Amino acid sequence: MKAKILTAAVLCLLACSCTGGGGSVQKAKYLTDSARQNAAGLALYQRGCWEKALAHFFRAHELAVAADLSEDTATSLNNIGNAYRMLGEAESAVAFLTEAAGIFRDAGDAAGVRQALCNLAAAQIALGRLDEAEKTLDRAEAVAAGGAFFAPLTVNRAVLLMKKKDYAGAEKLLLAALASAPAGDTAETAVIRHSLGVLLLETGRPKEALPHLTAALDADRAQGFAEGMAEDLFRLGQALKAAGDAAGAVTAWKRALLLFGLLNLDKKAEAVKKELAPAAAEAGVSLSVTDLFEERWKDGQAYESPCGR
């Protein structure tokens, strides 16, 4: 299952502000340096540039520590944990996210605690620690943070149920999440739609999965999330193939392969090629141009990339 599903929680970026004397008071620059670094990292994170985002989050942490800003410190640790999780280093993520949750708790920041715990649960799910993840989600749900719908909590619950093969329970949660999600092509919508698409695909309903995966692709494209688009296209290809549209599957997989190649995600590119190569041969579709670019980018010859050179 793709990483984005298992890590559905969205980064929380807590802004610093203070008021007094009936008006807004400008903080000293050094007191907002950490927030600016977190914001810069978040912009990269949302494009799927995990390593570059991580560098900003580490800077944010150092600046927060230097200014003795507890909540900014917790925010940067939460963001570092998320970046490590997306880089496939879930064990490291657990340590950072546990620390972040503790600092948020000590600062009395319920929303921060809930966010960090949801992210921690996602890392535990990635490690296969399902019982731990369930307990962590229970703790997140018990946190008083406004009581409003919180997509990361609902989606991570659904992912956990999918891991336990409770597809009916997971589908119910995802449909509820979709009904409560904001309108438009948001990152939240992309995660929920993709998760629903994967669930429907894995339960033998590829035709029902297609509109959800297409909607996820549209939302990820609107957000500029390149890796998310590639993941959507990979699953879309699987759904199209299972629904009897072999030519459509080849087209989707070619696009996924090129995106993964441009992002230098070689393992994911190879996973696509395993399905694309036989399907293209069967359909009589040439992959010569696709292979040319994929090899160029694999050798580091790309002029442009979503994450820069």
Protein backbone atom coordinates (compact mmCIF):
# COMPACT_ATOMS: atom_id res chain seq x y z
CA MET A 1 0.00 0.00 0.00
CA LYS A 2 1.36 3.36 -0.88
CA ALA A 3 3.18 5.46 1.65
CA LYS A 4 0.77 8.31 1.49
CA ILE A 5 -2.11 6.15 2.78
CA LEU A 6 -0.12 4.91 5.69
CA THR A 7 0.93 8.43 6.48
CA ALA A 8 -2.25 10.28 5.91
CA ALA A 9 -1.65 12.83 8.67
CA VAL A 10 -1.00 16.38 7.43
CA LEU A 11 1.80 18.42 8.99
CA CYS A 12 0.66 20.97 11.51
CA LEU A 13 2.47 24.29 11.37
CA LEU A 14 1.80 26.37 14.47
CA ALA A 15 2.25 30.07 13.84
CA CYS A 16 3.64 32.37 16.52
CA SER A 17 1.61 35.45 17.38
CA CYS A 18 1.04 37.68 20.33
CA THR A 19 -1.33 40.50 21.05
CA GLY A 20 -1.39 43.24 23.60
CA GLY A 21 -2.52 46.81 24.12
CA GLY A 22 -5.49 46.29 21.84
CA GLY A 23 -3.36 45.66 18.74
CA SER A 24 -0.96 43.28 17.09
CA VAL A 25 2.63 43.36 18.33
CA GLN A 26 5.47 42.52 15.96
CA LYS A 27 7.72 39.86 17.41
CA ALA A 28 11.47 40.12 17.29
CA LYS A 29 12.77 38.43 14.12
CA TYR A 30 14.62 35.68 15.95
CA LEU A 31 11.34 34.60 17.58
CA THR A 32 9.83 33.82 14.16
CA ASP A 33 12.89 32.32 12.46
CA SER A 34 11.84 28.79 13.40
CA ALA A 35 8.33 29.28 12.00
CA ARG A 36 9.76 30.55 8.72
CA GLN A 37 12.03 27.51 8.39
CA ASN A 38 9.08 25.21 9.14
CA ALA A 39 7.02 27.01 6.49
CA ALA A 40 9.81 26.61 3.92
CA GLY A 41 10.13 22.94 4.78
CA LEU A 42 6.39 22.43 4.61
CA ALA A 43 6.26 23.87 1.08
CA LEU A 44 8.85 21.29 0.00
CA TYR A 45 7.17 18.52 1.99
CA GLN A 46 3.87 19.13 0.21
CA ARG A 47 5.64 18.61 -3.13
CA GLY A 48 7.10 15.32 -1.93
CA CYS A 49 10.65 16.66 -1.50
CA TRP A 50 11.27 14.91 1.80
CA GLU A 51 15.05 15.25 2.08
CA LYS A 52 15.12 18.94 1.26
CA ALA A 53 12.21 19.54 3.62
CA LEU A 54 14.09 17.71 6.37
CA ALA A 55 16.99 20.16 6.18
CA HIS A 56 14.62 23.08 6.84
CA PHE A 57 12.93 21.23 9.70
CA PHE A 58 16.28 20.60 11.39
CA ARG A 59 17.10 24.30 11.05
CA ALA A 60 13.69 25.14 12.51
CA HIS A 61 14.40 22.90 15.48
CA GLU A 62 17.76 24.49 16.19
CA LEU A 63 16.28 28.00 16.00
CA ALA A 64 13.39 27.03 18.27
CA VAL A 65 15.77 25.56 20.83
CA ALA A 66 17.95 28.67 20.66
CA ALA A 67 14.93 30.88 21.38
CA ASP A 68 13.54 28.43 23.99
CA LEU A 69 10.19 28.21 22.17
CA SER A 70 8.60 24.95 23.34
CA GLU A 71 5.74 24.73 20.84
CA ASP A 72 7.99 25.63 17.90
CA THR A 73 10.41 22.96 19.10
CA ALA A 74 7.58 20.42 19.17
CA THR A 75 6.37 21.51 15.73
CA SER A 76 9.81 21.04 14.20
CA LEU A 77 10.19 17.61 15.85
CA ASN A 78 6.77 16.61 14.51
CA ASN A 79 7.80 17.73 11.04
CA ILE A 80 11.16 15.94 11.25
CA GLY A 81 9.32 12.77 12.24
CA ASN A 82 6.95 13.10 9.31
CA ALA A 83 9.80 13.61 6.86
CA TYR A 84 11.65 10.55 8.16
CA ARG A 85 8.44 8.53 7.91
CA MET A 86 7.98 9.52 4.28
CA LEU A 87 11.61 8.63 3.60
CA GLY A 88 10.89 5.10 4.83
CA GLU A 89 12.67 5.52 8.16
CA ALA A 90 9.68 4.86 10.39
CA GLU A 91 11.76 3.78 13.38
CA SER A 92 13.46 7.17 13.49
CA ALA A 93 10.10 8.84 12.98
CA VAL A 94 8.69 7.14 16.08
CA ALA A 95 11.36 8.70 18.30
CA PHE A 96 10.85 12.24 17.00
CA LEU A 97 7.06 12.04 17.05
CA THR A 98 6.99 10.63 20.58
CA GLU A 99 9.18 13.52 21.73
CA ALA A 100 6.98 16.04 19.90
CA ALA A 101 3.81 14.70 21.51
CA GLY A 102 5.37 14.99 24.96
CA ILE A 103 6.44 18.60 24.46
CA PHE A 104 3.05 19.57 23.07
CA ARG A 105 1.43 17.92 26.11
CA ASP A 106 3.66 19.80 28.55
CA ALA A 107 2.84 23.06 26.73
CA GLY A 108 -0.90 22.37 27.06
CA ASP A 109 -1.36 22.28 23.27
CA ALA A 110 -4.11 19.70 22.73
CA ALA A 111 -4.24 20.16 18.95
CA GLY A 112 -0.49 19.60 18.73
CA VAL A 113 -0.71 16.47 20.86
CA ARG A 114 -3.46 15.03 18.68
CA GLN A 115 -1.54 15.79 15.49
CA ALA A 116 1.70 14.26 16.74
CA LEU A 117 -0.09 11.15 18.03
CA CYS A 118 -1.83 10.62 14.69
CA ASN A 119 1.52 10.88 12.94
CA LEU A 120 3.05 8.51 15.48
CA ALA A 121 0.29 5.98 14.80
CA ALA A 122 1.03 6.21 11.08
CA ALA A 123 4.69 5.40 11.74
CA GLN A 124 3.71 2.47 13.95
CA ILE A 125 1.41 1.15 11.22
CA ALA A 126 4.28 1.39 8.75
CA LEU A 127 6.36 -0.74 11.13
CA GLY A 128 3.56 -3.30 11.47
CA ARG A 129 2.98 -2.46 15.14
CA LEU A 130 -0.78 -2.50 14.76
CA ASP A 131 -1.69 -2.94 18.42
CA GLU A 132 0.54 -0.04 19.40
CA ALA A 133 -0.94 2.08 16.63
CA GLU A 134 -4.48 1.37 17.82
CA LYS A 135 -3.60 2.45 21.35
CA THR A 136 -1.93 5.59 20.02
CA LEU A 137 -5.04 6.47 17.99
CA ASP A 138 -7.17 5.90 21.09
CA ARG A 139 -4.99 8.42 22.92
CA ALA A 140 -5.32 10.89 20.04
CA GLU A 141 -9.09 10.51 20.04
CA ALA A 142 -9.22 11.15 23.79
CA VAL A 143 -7.44 14.48 23.43
CA ALA A 144 -9.83 17.41 23.73
CA ALA A 145 -8.98 19.43 20.62
CA GLY A 146 -12.25 21.07 19.63
CA GLY A 147 -14.13 17.89 18.84
CA ALA A 148 -14.33 18.73 15.11
CA PHE A 149 -13.71 16.18 12.37
CA PHE A 150 -10.00 15.44 12.05
CA ALA A 151 -9.10 13.68 8.82
CA PRO A 152 -5.74 12.16 9.89
CA LEU A 153 -7.40 10.38 12.81
CA THR A 154 -10.23 8.96 10.70
CA VAL A 155 -8.03 7.93 7.78
CA ASN A 156 -5.41 6.30 10.00
CA ARG A 157 -8.20 4.36 11.71
CA ALA A 158 -9.32 3.18 8.28
CA VAL A 159 -5.80 2.20 7.27
CA LEU A 160 -5.43 0.23 10.48
CA LEU A 161 -8.68 -1.63 9.76
CA MET A 162 -7.50 -2.36 6.21
CA LYS A 163 -4.31 -3.85 7.62
CA LYS A 164 -6.49 -6.05 9.81
CA LYS A 165 -8.60 -7.03 6.75
CA ASP A 166 -11.69 -5.29 8.13
CA TYR A 167 -12.52 -3.73 4.78
CA ALA A 168 -16.15 -3.02 5.60
CA GLY A 169 -15.20 -1.03 8.69
CA ALA A 170 -12.48 0.82 6.80
CA GLU A 171 -14.83 1.71 3.95
CA LYS A 172 -17.40 3.10 6.37
CA LEU A 173 -14.78 5.35 7.95
CA LEU A 174 -13.42 6.56 4.62
CA LEU A 175 -16.86 7.40 3.29
CA ALA A 176 -17.55 9.36 6.46
CA ALA A 177 -14.22 11.14 6.04
CA LEU A 178 -15.04 12.00 2.45
CA ALA A 179 -18.41 13.41 3.46
CA SER A 180 -16.75 15.63 6.07
CA ALA A 181 -13.78 16.74 3.96
CA PRO A 182 -13.65 20.28 2.60
CA ALA A 183 -14.77 20.82 -0.97
CA GLY A 184 -12.21 21.12 -3.73
CA ASP A 185 -8.96 19.47 -4.71
CA THR A 186 -7.23 19.49 -1.32
CA ALA A 187 -4.45 17.29 0.03
CA GLU A 188 -7.00 15.89 2.46
CA THR A 189 -9.32 14.92 -0.39
CA ALA A 190 -6.46 13.28 -2.27
CA VAL A 191 -5.56 11.05 0.68
CA ILE A 192 -9.14 9.98 1.32
CA ARG A 193 -9.94 9.36 -2.35
CA HIS A 194 -6.75 7.38 -2.91
CA SER A 195 -7.39 5.29 0.18
CA LEU A 196 -10.92 4.53 -1.00
CA GLY A 197 -9.61 3.64 -4.45
CA VAL A 198 -7.07 1.20 -3.04
CA LEU A 199 -9.67 -0.37 -0.76
CA LEU A 200 -12.10 -0.88 -3.66
CA LEU A 201 -9.32 -2.26 -5.83
CA GLU A 202 -8.23 -4.71 -3.14
CA THR A 203 -11.81 -5.87 -2.60
CA GLY A 204 -12.34 -6.69 -6.28
CA ARG A 205 -14.22 -3.55 -7.35
CA PRO A 206 -11.89 -1.90 -9.87
CA LYS A 207 -14.63 -0.02 -11.75
CA GLU A 208 -15.76 1.59 -8.49
CA ALA A 209 -12.16 2.43 -7.68
CA LEU A 210 -11.58 4.35 -10.92
CA PRO A 211 -13.46 7.59 -10.08
CA HIS A 212 -11.84 7.80 -6.66
CA LEU A 213 -8.33 7.31 -8.04
CA THR A 214 -9.00 9.81 -10.81
CA ALA A 215 -10.23 12.34 -8.24
CA ALA A 216 -7.14 11.68 -6.10
CA LEU A 217 -4.95 12.32 -9.15
CA ASP A 218 -6.74 15.61 -9.86
CA ALA A 219 -6.33 16.72 -6.24
CA ASP A 220 -2.65 15.76 -6.08
CA ARG A 221 -2.04 17.54 -9.39
CA ALA A 222 -3.72 20.66 -8.02
CA GLN A 223 -1.43 20.51 -4.98
CA GLY A 224 1.68 19.88 -7.09
CA PHE A 225 2.36 16.63 -5.21
CA ALA A 226 4.43 14.76 -7.80
CA GLU A 227 4.97 11.54 -5.87
CA GLY A 228 1.29 11.44 -4.99
CA MET A 229 0.41 11.78 -8.68
CA ALA A 230 2.74 8.90 -9.53
CA GLU A 231 1.19 6.71 -6.84
CA ASP A 232 -2.31 7.58 -8.07
CA LEU A 233 -1.34 6.72 -11.64
CA PHE A 234 0.18 3.40 -10.59
CA ARG A 235 -3.01 2.36 -8.81
CA LEU A 236 -5.12 3.80 -11.62
CA GLY A 237 -3.26 1.55 -14.03
CA GLN A 238 -4.01 -1.47 -11.85
CA ALA A 239 -7.69 -0.54 -11.72
CA LEU A 240 -7.89 0.01 -15.48
CA LYS A 241 -6.19 -3.33 -16.18
CA ALA A 242 -8.54 -5.14 -13.79
CA ALA A 243 -11.52 -3.37 -15.40
CA GLY A 244 -10.48 -4.61 -18.86
CA ASP A 245 -8.88 -1.44 -20.25
CA ALA A 246 -5.36 -2.67 -20.99
CA ALA A 247 -4.47 0.29 -23.22
CA GLY A 248 -5.55 2.76 -20.55
CA ALA A 249 -3.49 0.88 -17.98
CA VAL A 250 -0.36 1.13 -20.15
CA THR A 251 -0.85 4.88 -20.54
CA ALA A 252 -1.29 5.38 -16.78
CA TRP A 253 1.74 3.24 -15.97
CA LYS A 254 3.93 5.10 -18.48
CA ARG A 255 3.06 8.38 -16.79
CA ALA A 256 3.72 6.86 -13.35
CA LEU A 257 7.09 5.49 -14.46
CA LEU A 258 8.21 8.85 -15.81
CA LEU A 259 7.17 10.67 -12.64
CA PHE A 260 8.95 8.19 -10.39
CA GLY A 261 12.00 8.40 -12.66
CA LEU A 262 12.06 12.20 -12.52
CA LEU A 263 11.90 12.00 -8.72
CA ASN A 264 14.75 9.44 -8.64
CA LEU A 265 12.53 6.92 -6.86
CA ASP A 266 14.18 3.93 -8.51
CA LYS A 267 12.52 1.17 -6.47
CA LYS A 268 9.07 2.52 -7.21
CA ALA A 269 9.96 2.95 -10.86
CA GLU A 270 11.03 -0.70 -11.02
CA ALA A 271 7.72 -1.78 -9.44
CA VAL A 272 5.87 0.06 -12.21
CA LYS A 273 8.06 -1.45 -14.92
CA LYS A 274 7.24 -4.96 -13.73
CA GLU A 275 3.60 -4.36 -14.57
CA LEU A 276 4.12 -2.01 -17.51
CA ALA A 277 6.57 -4.05 -19.59
CA PRO A 278 4.40 -7.17 -20.10
CA ALA A 279 1.24 -5.08 -20.51
CA ALA A 280 2.87 -2.91 -23.18
CA ALA A 281 4.21 -5.96 -25.02
CA GLU A 282 0.75 -7.53 -24.95
CA ALA A 283 -0.84 -4.33 -26.26
CA GLY A 284 1.86 -3.78 -28.88
CA VAL A 285 2.87 -0.42 -27.38
CA SER A 286 6.48 0.74 -27.72
CA LEU A 287 8.25 1.93 -24.58
CA SER A 288 11.36 3.21 -26.37
CA VAL A 289 10.79 6.91 -25.66
CA THR A 290 9.60 6.26 -22.12
CA ASP A 291 12.66 4.09 -21.44
CA LEU A 292 14.97 6.71 -22.92
CA PHE A 293 13.83 9.41 -20.51
CA GLU A 294 13.63 7.03 -17.55
CA GLU A 295 17.26 5.99 -18.14
CA ARG A 296 18.43 9.59 -18.63
CA TRP A 297 16.88 10.66 -15.35
CA LYS A 298 18.16 7.56 -13.57
CA ASP A 299 21.67 8.61 -14.65
CA GLY A 300 21.13 12.10 -13.21
CA GLN A 301 20.65 13.85 -16.55
CA ALA A 302 17.41 15.66 -15.70
CA TYR A 303 17.46 19.42 -16.23
CA GLU A 304 14.45 20.01 -14.02
CA SER A 305 12.76 18.22 -11.12
CA PRO A 306 9.87 19.00 -8.73
CA CYS A 307 12.50 19.20 -5.99
CA GLY A 308 15.11 21.11 -7.97
CA ARG A 309 18.55 19.91 -8.98
